[in-house]
Each structure stands twice: as structure tokens, then as C-alpha cells.
Amino acid sequence: MARRYDYPLEALGAEGFHRLCPSPRYRGGVLDRGAAHLNPLALAFGLARAAASAGVRIHERSPVTRISEGSKVRVETGNGQIEADHLILACNGYLGGLDRRIAARVMPINNFIVATEPLGDRAAEVLNEDVAVSDDRFVVNYFRLSSDKRLLFGGGESYGYRFPDDIRALVRKPMLEVFPHLRDVRLDHAWGGTLAITMKRLPHLARLSPNVLTASGYSGHGVGNAVQAGKLMAEAVRGQSAGFDAFAALPCPAFPGGPSLRAPLLVLAMSWFAMRDRLGL
């Protein structure tokens, strides 16, 4: 990064990383002080307010059941239909069966987070700076402290649209692998959401027809990449498509097995890589 992009990163050995993050799990890391972390819900609300102030009408709880392409695009919901000059499909992991062309290349997976009770002085047993951490496992763990000193810890995955019965138990296991000294800490909150991955882990941007664009498959990086994709699609609708076309040219192969067999094949693949994580390979 420093040599090719003039971007400084700080390499940490085991001792330096342990001073930052007192976990027995890690042997080192890279500290990126040019990056940032944020509250994604606050970002979503901020984007919604900005859109509404620009004249956008937001209709929640209006699931789309059918799309008909043409010179005017018709979108049908359970309560009515809309005709538009342009359609943007930005459903990511919540696409369902709306478009098989996207579904062949973008796979929904679920990821989960817990929030502990406020740790108070024990927050120093997690992090000694206000940074966010993500490890390099294939089934990634990630965590940071909240403003009230809770540990927010993300980990564990499931595939398709079904959630596990006990999210706390699912996430507690990797959390205690990273922080075994927090075994007595209460988990106050647990939740999950559906994201989407692609075979190459690059976003899938495509022009499905002259007036239908899509962007999804951010593979865990949607907080930044989705905002960028929205800007590129807005520019493309206005006729300035160079940025959108550059992303659309990136390879995005279909998942083996097509929409019907992709989920069981992904479970097999993810189980294999999860085993490699456990073995430290």
C-alpha cells in the first residue's frame, strides 16, 4: 500500500497488537489510521433524510412482486403498481426471486451481531483505542466498542433466509474464542441481517436493459461500496455512465448450480473454509 499507493499502514507484531487488543487469539495485524468506522443505522437515517429533503418519496413495507421491462418499466406491489422511466434494483441480499439474472451471481447470506452489557473499566480488556477490528478468517469476526462501552461483536453465518433460533449462542462461541476472559459478561442484545456475496467478492453492477440498472453483492463492504454504487447509478441515469460502466466490466461469474443449487453448494464450500479456519490453515 505504501509503495504503490503512497498510503501508510502500521504493521503490528504480536506484542503491539496485544497492547491495542488484549486477545490471546491474534499474532499481529495492520492498523489503518486513514480508515473510519461509524454507526450504519445513523448513516441509513441520514441518507433517508437527505433523499426526502431532495423530494424522494420513500414507501416502506411495499414489497415488489413483479417487474415488467419496456420503454416504461412497470413495478407491481401488493397494493398497486408504478410506471417509471428508469428502474434501479438495489436489493442486495433481499432480492428474493425478482430477477434470476442477478440471483445467479449474487447469493444471500446472513450475519449476526451481539452487544454485551456495558463493560465500564473492563472495556480495556477488549480495546485500548477507539478502533474497529476485522480478522482475516474466511468466516470473518469483527468488533468494536460502542459509545457506552459495550462490545459489539459480529460473527457466525447462515445461508438462505432462515435465521438460527438462538443468535446469542451462535455468536457467543466465536466471541469467547477471541475474548475467553469475557465468559461472565452478559449479552444484552442480538440481531442479524441478510447481506449478499459474489463469487469474486466484488460488487455486481450491471445494466439489465437500457433503463434498468442493478448494483448488489457487496460481500460485507456495503456501508462504503453501496453509497458509491448509488452515486454511480445516479450518474448513469443522467447519461454519465463512465464510472458505472467501469464497475460493470469487472468479472462476476455465476455461482455453480444456478439459483436452485447455489445454496447447498455454498454451504459445502463455506463449511470447508470454516474447517480451515479452525485448523489455522
C-alpha atoms as a PDB file:
ATOM      1  CA  MET A   1       0.000   0.000   0.000  1.00  0.00           C
ATOM      2  CA  ALA A   2       2.808   2.419   0.828  1.00  0.00           C
ATOM      3  CA  ARG A   3       4.890   1.519  -2.203  1.00  0.00           C
ATOM      4  CA  ARG A   4       2.158   1.514  -4.844  1.00  0.00           C
ATOM      5  CA  TYR A   5      -0.404   3.966  -3.469  1.00  0.00           C
ATOM      6  CA  ASP A   6       1.559   6.171  -1.052  1.00  0.00           C
ATOM      7  CA  TYR A   7      -0.839   5.078   1.702  1.00  0.00           C
ATOM      8  CA  PRO A   8       0.668   4.452   5.150  1.00  0.00           C
ATOM      9  CA  LEU A   9      -0.288   1.395   7.182  1.00  0.00           C
ATOM     10  CA  GLU A  10       1.167   0.467  10.555  1.00  0.00           C
ATOM     11  CA  ALA A  11       2.242  -3.177  10.874  1.00  0.00           C
ATOM     12  CA  LEU A  12       1.867  -4.603  14.381  1.00  0.00           C
ATOM     13  CA  GLY A  13       3.564  -7.699  15.751  1.00  0.00           C
ATOM     14  CA  ALA A  14       2.049  -9.847  18.476  1.00  0.00           C
ATOM     15  CA  GLU A  15       3.161  -7.542  21.308  1.00  0.00           C
ATOM     16  CA  GLY A  16       1.998  -4.342  19.608  1.00  0.00           C
ATOM     17  CA  PHE A  17      -1.344  -5.830  18.641  1.00  0.00           C
ATOM     18  CA  HIS A  18      -1.880  -7.187  22.158  1.00  0.00           C
ATOM     19  CA  ARG A  19      -1.371  -3.693  23.605  1.00  0.00           C
ATOM     20  CA  LEU A  20      -4.123  -2.475  21.295  1.00  0.00           C
ATOM     21  CA  CYS A  21      -6.392  -5.528  21.619  1.00  0.00           C
ATOM     22  CA  PRO A  22      -5.741  -7.815  24.631  1.00  0.00           C
ATOM     23  CA  SER A  23      -6.910 -11.021  22.940  1.00  0.00           C
ATOM     24  CA  PRO A  24      -4.798 -14.194  23.087  1.00  0.00           C
ATOM     25  CA  ARG A  25      -6.085 -15.098  19.626  1.00  0.00           C
ATOM     26  CA  TYR A  26      -4.101 -12.774  17.405  1.00  0.00           C
ATOM     27  CA  ARG A  27      -0.450 -12.865  16.334  1.00  0.00           C
ATOM     28  CA  GLY A  28      -0.331  -9.438  14.723  1.00  0.00           C
ATOM     29  CA  GLY A  29      -2.202  -7.092  12.466  1.00  0.00           C
ATOM     30  CA  VAL A  30      -2.272  -3.959  10.376  1.00  0.00           C
ATOM     31  CA  LEU A  31      -3.525  -0.641  11.752  1.00  0.00           C
ATOM     32  CA  ASP A  32      -5.104   1.712   9.199  1.00  0.00           C
ATOM     33  CA  ARG A  33      -5.466   5.186  10.695  1.00  0.00           C
ATOM     34  CA  GLY A  34      -6.809   6.580   7.436  1.00  0.00           C
ATOM     35  CA  ALA A  35      -9.946   4.446   7.712  1.00  0.00           C
ATOM     36  CA  ALA A  36     -13.022   5.049   9.854  1.00  0.00           C
ATOM     37  CA  HIS A  37     -15.940   3.233  11.428  1.00  0.00           C
ATOM     38  CA  LEU A  38     -19.441   4.544  12.030  1.00  0.00           C
ATOM     39  CA  ASN A  39     -22.970   3.755  13.150  1.00  0.00           C
ATOM     40  CA  PRO A  40     -24.566   2.254   9.995  1.00  0.00           C
ATOM     41  CA  LEU A  41     -28.132   2.818  11.231  1.00  0.00           C
ATOM     42  CA  ALA A  42     -27.399   6.517  11.738  1.00  0.00           C
ATOM     43  CA  LEU A  43     -25.936   6.589   8.212  1.00  0.00           C
ATOM     44  CA  ALA A  44     -29.096   4.967   6.789  1.00  0.00           C
ATOM     45  CA  PHE A  45     -31.307   7.510   8.562  1.00  0.00           C
ATOM     46  CA  GLY A  46     -29.081  10.349   7.349  1.00  0.00           C
ATOM     47  CA  LEU A  47     -29.278   9.142   3.746  1.00  0.00           C
ATOM     48  CA  ALA A  48     -33.064   8.832   4.048  1.00  0.00           C
ATOM     49  CA  ARG A  49     -33.368  12.397   5.379  1.00  0.00           C
ATOM     50  CA  ALA A  50     -31.152  13.694   2.567  1.00  0.00           C
ATOM     51  CA  ALA A  51     -33.233  11.840  -0.026  1.00  0.00           C
ATOM     52  CA  ALA A  52     -36.526  13.070   1.436  1.00  0.00           C
ATOM     53  CA  SER A  53     -35.290  16.665   1.505  1.00  0.00           C
ATOM     54  CA  ALA A  54     -34.429  16.308  -2.203  1.00  0.00           C
ATOM     55  CA  GLY A  55     -38.025  15.289  -2.997  1.00  0.00           C
ATOM     56  CA  VAL A  56     -37.739  11.497  -2.892  1.00  0.00           C
ATOM     57  CA  ARG A  57     -40.822   9.596  -1.692  1.00  0.00           C
ATOM     58  CA  ILE A  58     -39.905   6.522   0.376  1.00  0.00           C
ATOM     59  CA  HIS A  59     -42.516   3.741   0.629  1.00  0.00           C
ATOM     60  CA  GLU A  60     -41.631   1.167   3.259  1.00  0.00           C
ATOM     61  CA  ARG A  61     -43.411  -2.193   3.563  1.00  0.00           C
ATOM     62  CA  SER A  62     -44.227  -2.225  -0.160  1.00  0.00           C
ATOM     63  CA  PRO A  63     -42.690  -5.496  -1.382  1.00  0.00           C
ATOM     64  CA  VAL A  64     -42.368  -5.712  -5.158  1.00  0.00           C
ATOM     65  CA  THR A  65     -43.926  -8.842  -6.668  1.00  0.00           C
ATOM     66  CA  ARG A  66     -43.312  -8.360 -10.395  1.00  0.00           C
ATOM     67  CA  ILE A  67     -41.258  -6.238 -12.782  1.00  0.00           C
ATOM     68  CA  SER A  68     -42.138  -5.703 -16.463  1.00  0.00           C
ATOM     69  CA  GLU A  69     -39.382  -4.161 -18.580  1.00  0.00           C
ATOM     70  CA  GLY A  70     -40.015  -1.902 -21.557  1.00  0.00           C
ATOM     71  CA  SER A  71     -39.708   1.715 -22.647  1.00  0.00           C
ATOM     72  CA  LYS A  72     -41.539   2.375 -19.382  1.00  0.00           C
ATOM     73  CA  VAL A  73     -40.754  -0.016 -16.529  1.00  0.00           C
ATOM     74  CA  ARG A  74     -43.771  -1.283 -14.572  1.00  0.00           C
ATOM     75  CA  VAL A  75     -43.267  -2.351 -10.958  1.00  0.00           C
ATOM     76  CA  GLU A  76     -46.109  -4.206  -9.214  1.00  0.00           C
ATOM     77  CA  THR A  77     -46.626  -4.431  -5.451  1.00  0.00           C
ATOM     78  CA  GLY A  78     -49.374  -5.967  -3.354  1.00  0.00           C
ATOM     79  CA  ASN A  79     -51.142  -2.601  -3.200  1.00  0.00           C
ATOM     80  CA  GLY A  80     -50.663  -1.133  -6.661  1.00  0.00           C
ATOM     81  CA  GLN A  81     -48.222  -0.503  -9.462  1.00  0.00           C
ATOM     82  CA  ILE A  82     -45.800   2.182 -10.613  1.00  0.00           C
ATOM     83  CA  GLU A  83     -44.517   3.103 -14.055  1.00  0.00           C
ATOM     84  CA  ALA A  84     -41.115   4.772 -14.353  1.00  0.00           C
ATOM     85  CA  ASP A  85     -38.593   5.867 -16.951  1.00  0.00           C
ATOM     86  CA  HIS A  86     -35.794   4.085 -15.071  1.00  0.00           C
ATOM     87  CA  LEU A  87     -35.566   1.275 -12.534  1.00  0.00           C
ATOM     88  CA  ILE A  88     -32.714   0.640 -10.117  1.00  0.00           C
ATOM     89  CA  LEU A  89     -32.617  -2.783  -8.473  1.00  0.00           C
ATOM     90  CA  ALA A  90     -30.644  -2.298  -5.248  1.00  0.00           C
ATOM     91  CA  CYS A  91     -31.988  -5.195  -3.194  1.00  0.00           C
ATOM     92  CA  ASN A  92     -28.649  -6.823  -2.295  1.00  0.00           C
ATOM     93  CA  GLY A  93     -29.446  -9.862  -0.114  1.00  0.00           C
ATOM     94  CA  TYR A  94     -33.190  -9.181  -0.178  1.00  0.00           C
ATOM     95  CA  LEU A  95     -33.711  -9.706  -3.913  1.00  0.00           C
ATOM     96  CA  GLY A  96     -35.696 -12.924  -3.486  1.00  0.00           C
ATOM     97  CA  GLY A  97     -36.959 -14.183  -6.835  1.00  0.00           C
ATOM     98  CA  LEU A  98     -37.382 -10.819  -8.564  1.00  0.00           C
ATOM     99  CA  ASP A  99     -34.664 -11.332 -11.186  1.00  0.00           C
ATOM    100  CA  ARG A 100     -32.936 -14.635 -11.984  1.00  0.00           C
ATOM    101  CA  ARG A 101     -30.118 -12.870 -13.871  1.00  0.00           C
ATOM    102  CA  ILE A 102     -28.997 -11.213 -10.643  1.00  0.00           C
ATOM    103  CA  ALA A 103     -29.796 -14.211  -8.450  1.00  0.00           C
ATOM    104  CA  ALA A 104     -27.400 -16.370 -10.481  1.00  0.00           C
ATOM    105  CA  ARG A 105     -24.492 -14.092  -9.459  1.00  0.00           C
ATOM    106  CA  VAL A 106     -25.499 -12.695  -6.061  1.00  0.00           C
ATOM    107  CA  MET A 107     -26.034 -15.025  -3.097  1.00  0.00           C
ATOM    108  CA  PRO A 108     -27.804 -14.024   0.158  1.00  0.00           C
ATOM    109  CA  ILE A 109     -26.118 -14.938   3.435  1.00  0.00           C
ATOM    110  CA  ASN A 110     -26.956 -13.901   6.988  1.00  0.00           C
ATOM    111  CA  ASN A 111     -24.551 -12.440   9.510  1.00  0.00           C
ATOM    112  CA  PHE A 112     -25.103 -11.759  13.194  1.00  0.00           C
ATOM    113  CA  ILE A 113     -24.038  -9.357  15.950  1.00  0.00           C
ATOM    114  CA  VAL A 114     -24.322  -9.280  19.735  1.00  0.00           C
ATOM    115  CA  ALA A 115     -23.986  -6.347  22.115  1.00  0.00           C
ATOM    116  CA  THR A 116     -22.726  -7.069  25.613  1.00  0.00           C
ATOM    117  CA  GLU A 117     -23.725  -5.249  28.753  1.00  0.00           C
ATOM    118  CA  PRO A 118     -21.729  -2.006  29.289  1.00  0.00           C
ATOM    119  CA  LEU A 119     -18.214  -3.095  30.234  1.00  0.00           C
ATOM    120  CA  GLY A 120     -17.122   0.019  32.126  1.00  0.00           C
ATOM    121  CA  ASP A 121     -13.457  -0.273  33.113  1.00  0.00           C
ATOM    122  CA  ARG A 122     -13.367  -3.764  31.604  1.00  0.00           C
ATOM    123  CA  ALA A 123     -13.546  -2.190  28.133  1.00  0.00           C
ATOM    124  CA  ALA A 124      -9.724  -2.102  28.333  1.00  0.00           C
ATOM    125  CA  GLU A 125      -9.862  -5.909  28.175  1.00  0.00           C
ATOM    126  CA  VAL A 126     -11.223  -5.555  24.616  1.00  0.00           C
ATOM    127  CA  LEU A 127      -9.651  -2.472  23.015  1.00  0.00           C
ATOM    128  CA  ASN A 128      -7.392   0.306  24.235  1.00  0.00           C
ATOM    129  CA  GLU A 129      -8.166   2.680  21.366  1.00  0.00           C
ATOM    130  CA  ASP A 130     -11.379   3.621  19.576  1.00  0.00           C
ATOM    131  CA  VAL A 131     -10.742   1.377  16.574  1.00  0.00           C
ATOM    132  CA  ALA A 132     -12.721  -1.324  14.775  1.00  0.00           C
ATOM    133  CA  VAL A 133     -11.191  -4.755  14.213  1.00  0.00           C
ATOM    134  CA  SER A 134     -11.812  -7.312  11.488  1.00  0.00           C
ATOM    135  CA  ASP A 135      -9.791 -10.528  11.275  1.00  0.00           C
ATOM    136  CA  ASP A 136      -8.649 -12.481   8.223  1.00  0.00           C
ATOM    137  CA  ARG A 137     -10.642 -15.679   8.754  1.00  0.00           C
ATOM    138  CA  PHE A 138     -12.784 -16.828   5.852  1.00  0.00           C
ATOM    139  CA  VAL A 139     -15.839 -16.660   8.162  1.00  0.00           C
ATOM    140  CA  VAL A 140     -14.832 -13.282   9.496  1.00  0.00           C
ATOM    141  CA  ASN A 141     -15.110 -11.931  13.053  1.00  0.00           C
ATOM    142  CA  TYR A 142     -15.356  -8.162  13.583  1.00  0.00           C
ATOM    143  CA  PHE A 143     -15.859  -5.972  16.622  1.00  0.00           C
ATOM    144  CA  ARG A 144     -15.616  -2.538  18.212  1.00  0.00           C
ATOM    145  CA  LEU A 145     -16.790  -0.725  21.331  1.00  0.00           C
ATOM    146  CA  SER A 146     -19.964   1.354  21.384  1.00  0.00           C
ATOM    147  CA  SER A 147     -20.132   4.817  22.897  1.00  0.00           C
ATOM    148  CA  ASP A 148     -21.425   3.320  26.166  1.00  0.00           C
ATOM    149  CA  LYS A 149     -18.574   0.758  26.243  1.00  0.00           C
ATOM    150  CA  ARG A 150     -20.455  -2.307  25.085  1.00  0.00           C
ATOM    151  CA  LEU A 151     -18.607  -4.817  22.957  1.00  0.00           C
ATOM    152  CA  LEU A 152     -20.328  -5.075  19.578  1.00  0.00           C
ATOM    153  CA  PHE A 153     -19.172  -8.408  18.147  1.00  0.00           C
ATOM    154  CA  GLY A 154     -20.111  -9.808  14.766  1.00  0.00           C
ATOM    155  CA  GLY A 155     -19.589 -13.414  13.758  1.00  0.00           C
ATOM    156  CA  GLY A 156     -21.304 -16.543  12.521  1.00  0.00           C
ATOM    157  CA  GLU A 157     -23.222 -17.013   9.281  1.00  0.00           C
ATOM    158  CA  SER A 158     -26.199 -18.860   7.886  1.00  0.00           C
ATOM    159  CA  TYR A 159     -27.385 -19.243   4.305  1.00  0.00           C
ATOM    160  CA  GLY A 160     -30.697 -18.580   2.615  1.00  0.00           C
ATOM    161  CA  TYR A 161     -33.296 -16.559   4.507  1.00  0.00           C
ATOM    162  CA  ARG A 162     -33.754 -18.601   7.705  1.00  0.00           C
ATOM    163  CA  PHE A 163     -32.242 -17.265  10.917  1.00  0.00           C
ATOM    164  CA  PRO A 164     -30.985 -19.517  13.749  1.00  0.00           C
ATOM    165  CA  ASP A 165     -33.214 -19.962  16.757  1.00  0.00           C
ATOM    166  CA  ASP A 166     -30.590 -18.625  19.187  1.00  0.00           C
ATOM    167  CA  ILE A 167     -28.411 -15.848  17.744  1.00  0.00           C
ATOM    168  CA  ARG A 168     -26.754 -15.215  21.123  1.00  0.00           C
ATOM    169  CA  ALA A 169     -25.463 -18.783  21.315  1.00  0.00           C
ATOM    170  CA  LEU A 170     -24.248 -18.687  17.724  1.00  0.00           C
ATOM    171  CA  VAL A 171     -22.187 -15.507  18.176  1.00  0.00           C
ATOM    172  CA  ARG A 172     -21.079 -16.210  21.748  1.00  0.00           C
ATOM    173  CA  LYS A 173     -18.907 -19.090  20.522  1.00  0.00           C
ATOM    174  CA  PRO A 174     -16.556 -17.045  18.263  1.00  0.00           C
ATOM    175  CA  MET A 175     -16.696 -14.123  20.714  1.00  0.00           C
ATOM    176  CA  LEU A 176     -15.310 -16.322  23.504  1.00  0.00           C
ATOM    177  CA  GLU A 177     -12.656 -17.733  21.177  1.00  0.00           C
ATOM    178  CA  VAL A 178     -11.402 -14.166  20.724  1.00  0.00           C
ATOM    179  CA  PHE A 179     -12.097 -12.972  24.289  1.00  0.00           C
ATOM    180  CA  PRO A 180     -12.246 -16.013  26.632  1.00  0.00           C
ATOM    181  CA  HIS A 181     -11.921 -13.683  29.640  1.00  0.00           C
ATOM    182  CA  LEU A 182     -15.419 -12.280  28.896  1.00  0.00           C
ATOM    183  CA  ARG A 183     -17.161 -15.579  29.667  1.00  0.00           C
ATOM    184  CA  ASP A 184     -19.057 -13.999  32.573  1.00  0.00           C
ATOM    185  CA  VAL A 185     -20.277 -10.985  30.557  1.00  0.00           C
ATOM    186  CA  ARG A 186     -23.994 -10.729  29.777  1.00  0.00           C
ATOM    187  CA  LEU A 187     -25.187 -10.384  26.178  1.00  0.00           C
ATOM    188  CA  ASP A 188     -27.926  -7.754  26.218  1.00  0.00           C
ATOM    189  CA  HIS A 189     -28.830  -7.679  22.517  1.00  0.00           C
ATOM    190  CA  ALA A 190     -28.537  -9.942  19.483  1.00  0.00           C
ATOM    191  CA  TRP A 191     -29.634  -9.374  15.908  1.00  0.00           C
ATOM    192  CA  GLY A 192     -28.820 -10.252  12.334  1.00  0.00           C
ATOM    193  CA  GLY A 193     -29.320  -9.194   8.754  1.00  0.00           C
ATOM    194  CA  THR A 194     -29.053 -10.501   5.230  1.00  0.00           C
ATOM    195  CA  LEU A 195     -26.194  -9.357   3.039  1.00  0.00           C
ATOM    196  CA  ALA A 196     -25.015 -10.724  -0.304  1.00  0.00           C
ATOM    197  CA  ILE A 197     -21.805 -12.113  -1.723  1.00  0.00           C
ATOM    198  CA  THR A 198     -20.469 -12.763  -5.209  1.00  0.00           C
ATOM    199  CA  MET A 199     -18.012 -15.388  -6.409  1.00  0.00           C
ATOM    200  CA  LYS A 200     -15.232 -12.777  -6.777  1.00  0.00           C
ATOM    201  CA  ARG A 201     -16.306 -10.760  -3.687  1.00  0.00           C
ATOM    202  CA  LEU A 202     -16.546  -7.720  -5.992  1.00  0.00           C
ATOM    203  CA  PRO A 203     -19.850  -5.809  -6.292  1.00  0.00           C
ATOM    204  CA  HIS A 204     -22.093  -6.844  -9.171  1.00  0.00           C
ATOM    205  CA  LEU A 205     -23.097  -3.759 -11.190  1.00  0.00           C
ATOM    206  CA  ALA A 206     -24.935  -4.377 -14.459  1.00  0.00           C
ATOM    207  CA  ARG A 207     -27.235  -2.767 -16.996  1.00  0.00           C
ATOM    208  CA  LEU A 208     -30.013  -5.347 -17.419  1.00  0.00           C
ATOM    209  CA  SER A 209     -31.739  -3.325 -20.145  1.00  0.00           C
ATOM    210  CA  PRO A 210     -31.359   0.263 -21.413  1.00  0.00           C
ATOM    211  CA  ASN A 211     -33.364   1.676 -18.487  1.00  0.00           C
ATOM    212  CA  VAL A 212     -32.808  -0.984 -15.779  1.00  0.00           C
ATOM    213  CA  LEU A 213     -29.660  -0.885 -13.623  1.00  0.00           C
ATOM    214  CA  THR A 214     -28.643  -3.086 -10.728  1.00  0.00           C
ATOM    215  CA  ALA A 215     -25.989  -2.991  -8.012  1.00  0.00           C
ATOM    216  CA  SER A 216     -25.553  -5.559  -5.228  1.00  0.00           C
ATOM    217  CA  GLY A 217     -23.237  -8.250  -3.870  1.00  0.00           C
ATOM    218  CA  TYR A 218     -21.035  -6.013  -1.720  1.00  0.00           C
ATOM    219  CA  SER A 219     -19.745  -9.053   0.187  1.00  0.00           C
ATOM    220  CA  GLY A 220     -19.588  -7.364   3.592  1.00  0.00           C
ATOM    221  CA  HIS A 221     -18.377  -3.947   2.388  1.00  0.00           C
ATOM    222  CA  GLY A 222     -21.730  -2.364   1.620  1.00  0.00           C
ATOM    223  CA  VAL A 223     -21.509   0.549   4.054  1.00  0.00           C
ATOM    224  CA  GLY A 224     -18.944   2.146   1.767  1.00  0.00           C
ATOM    225  CA  ASN A 225     -19.442   0.452  -1.593  1.00  0.00           C
ATOM    226  CA  ALA A 226     -23.247   0.753  -1.693  1.00  0.00           C
ATOM    227  CA  VAL A 227     -23.089   4.524  -1.226  1.00  0.00           C
ATOM    228  CA  GLN A 228     -20.546   4.703  -4.037  1.00  0.00           C
ATOM    229  CA  ALA A 229     -22.717   2.460  -6.254  1.00  0.00           C
ATOM    230  CA  GLY A 230     -25.734   4.697  -5.636  1.00  0.00           C
ATOM    231  CA  LYS A 231     -23.782   7.713  -6.844  1.00  0.00           C
ATOM    232  CA  LEU A 232     -22.582   5.839  -9.939  1.00  0.00           C
ATOM    233  CA  MET A 233     -26.111   4.693 -10.807  1.00  0.00           C
ATOM    234  CA  ALA A 234     -27.497   8.216 -10.373  1.00  0.00           C
ATOM    235  CA  GLU A 235     -24.834   9.489 -12.753  1.00  0.00           C
ATOM    236  CA  ALA A 236     -25.623   6.685 -15.237  1.00  0.00           C
ATOM    237  CA  VAL A 237     -29.336   7.561 -15.230  1.00  0.00           C
ATOM    238  CA  ARG A 238     -28.334  11.152 -16.080  1.00  0.00           C
ATOM    239  CA  GLY A 239     -26.230   9.877 -19.012  1.00  0.00           C
ATOM    240  CA  GLN A 240     -22.785   9.966 -17.358  1.00  0.00           C
ATOM    241  CA  SER A 241     -22.060   6.255 -17.166  1.00  0.00           C
ATOM    242  CA  ALA A 242     -18.246   6.000 -17.294  1.00  0.00           C
ATOM    243  CA  GLY A 243     -17.899   5.114 -13.598  1.00  0.00           C
ATOM    244  CA  PHE A 244     -20.814   2.678 -13.643  1.00  0.00           C
ATOM    245  CA  ASP A 245     -19.538   1.005 -16.821  1.00  0.00           C
ATOM    246  CA  ALA A 246     -16.076   0.537 -15.286  1.00  0.00           C
ATOM    247  CA  PHE A 247     -17.573  -1.449 -12.404  1.00  0.00           C
ATOM    248  CA  ALA A 248     -19.946  -3.322 -14.728  1.00  0.00           C
ATOM    249  CA  ALA A 249     -16.925  -4.532 -16.735  1.00  0.00           C
ATOM    250  CA  LEU A 250     -15.494  -6.368 -13.697  1.00  0.00           C
ATOM    251  CA  PRO A 251     -15.931 -10.150 -13.931  1.00  0.00           C
ATOM    252  CA  CYS A 252     -18.859 -11.547 -11.942  1.00  0.00           C
ATOM    253  CA  PRO A 253     -19.288 -15.249 -12.754  1.00  0.00           C
ATOM    254  CA  ALA A 254     -22.453 -17.129 -11.870  1.00  0.00           C
ATOM    255  CA  PHE A 255     -22.482 -19.422  -8.862  1.00  0.00           C
ATOM    256  CA  PRO A 256     -22.240 -23.121  -9.763  1.00  0.00           C
ATOM    257  CA  GLY A 257     -25.596 -24.848  -9.788  1.00  0.00           C
ATOM    258  CA  GLY A 258     -27.678 -21.797 -10.679  1.00  0.00           C
ATOM    259  CA  PRO A 259     -30.303 -20.288  -8.359  1.00  0.00           C
ATOM    260  CA  SER A 260     -31.669 -23.698  -7.293  1.00  0.00           C
ATOM    261  CA  LEU A 261     -28.431 -25.457  -6.271  1.00  0.00           C
ATOM    262  CA  ARG A 262     -26.227 -22.497  -5.320  1.00  0.00           C
ATOM    263  CA  ALA A 263     -27.279 -22.543  -1.629  1.00  0.00           C
ATOM    264  CA  PRO A 264     -26.363 -26.189  -0.831  1.00  0.00           C
ATOM    265  CA  LEU A 265     -23.115 -25.875  -2.801  1.00  0.00           C
ATOM    266  CA  LEU A 266     -22.263 -22.691  -0.890  1.00  0.00           C
ATOM    267  CA  VAL A 267     -22.940 -24.443   2.433  1.00  0.00           C
ATOM    268  CA  LEU A 268     -20.466 -27.169   1.446  1.00  0.00           C
ATOM    269  CA  ALA A 269     -17.843 -24.616   0.404  1.00  0.00           C
ATOM    270  CA  MET A 270     -18.286 -22.433   3.494  1.00  0.00           C
ATOM    271  CA  SER A 271     -18.117 -25.498   5.765  1.00  0.00           C
ATOM    272  CA  TRP A 272     -14.808 -26.438   4.142  1.00  0.00           C
ATOM    273  CA  PHE A 273     -13.335 -22.971   4.638  1.00  0.00           C
ATOM    274  CA  ALA A 274     -14.706 -22.789   8.197  1.00  0.00           C
ATOM    275  CA  MET A 275     -12.858 -26.033   8.955  1.00  0.00           C
ATOM    276  CA  ARG A 276      -9.674 -24.464   7.541  1.00  0.00           C
ATOM    277  CA  ASP A 277     -10.256 -21.501   9.888  1.00  0.00           C
ATOM    278  CA  ARG A 278     -10.490 -23.837  12.870  1.00  0.00           C
ATOM    279  CA  LEU A 279      -7.300 -25.651  11.834  1.00  0.00           C
ATOM    280  CA  GLY A 280      -5.449 -22.358  11.286  1.00  0.00           C
ATOM    281  CA  LEU A 281      -4.750 -23.106   7.609  1.00  0.00           C
END
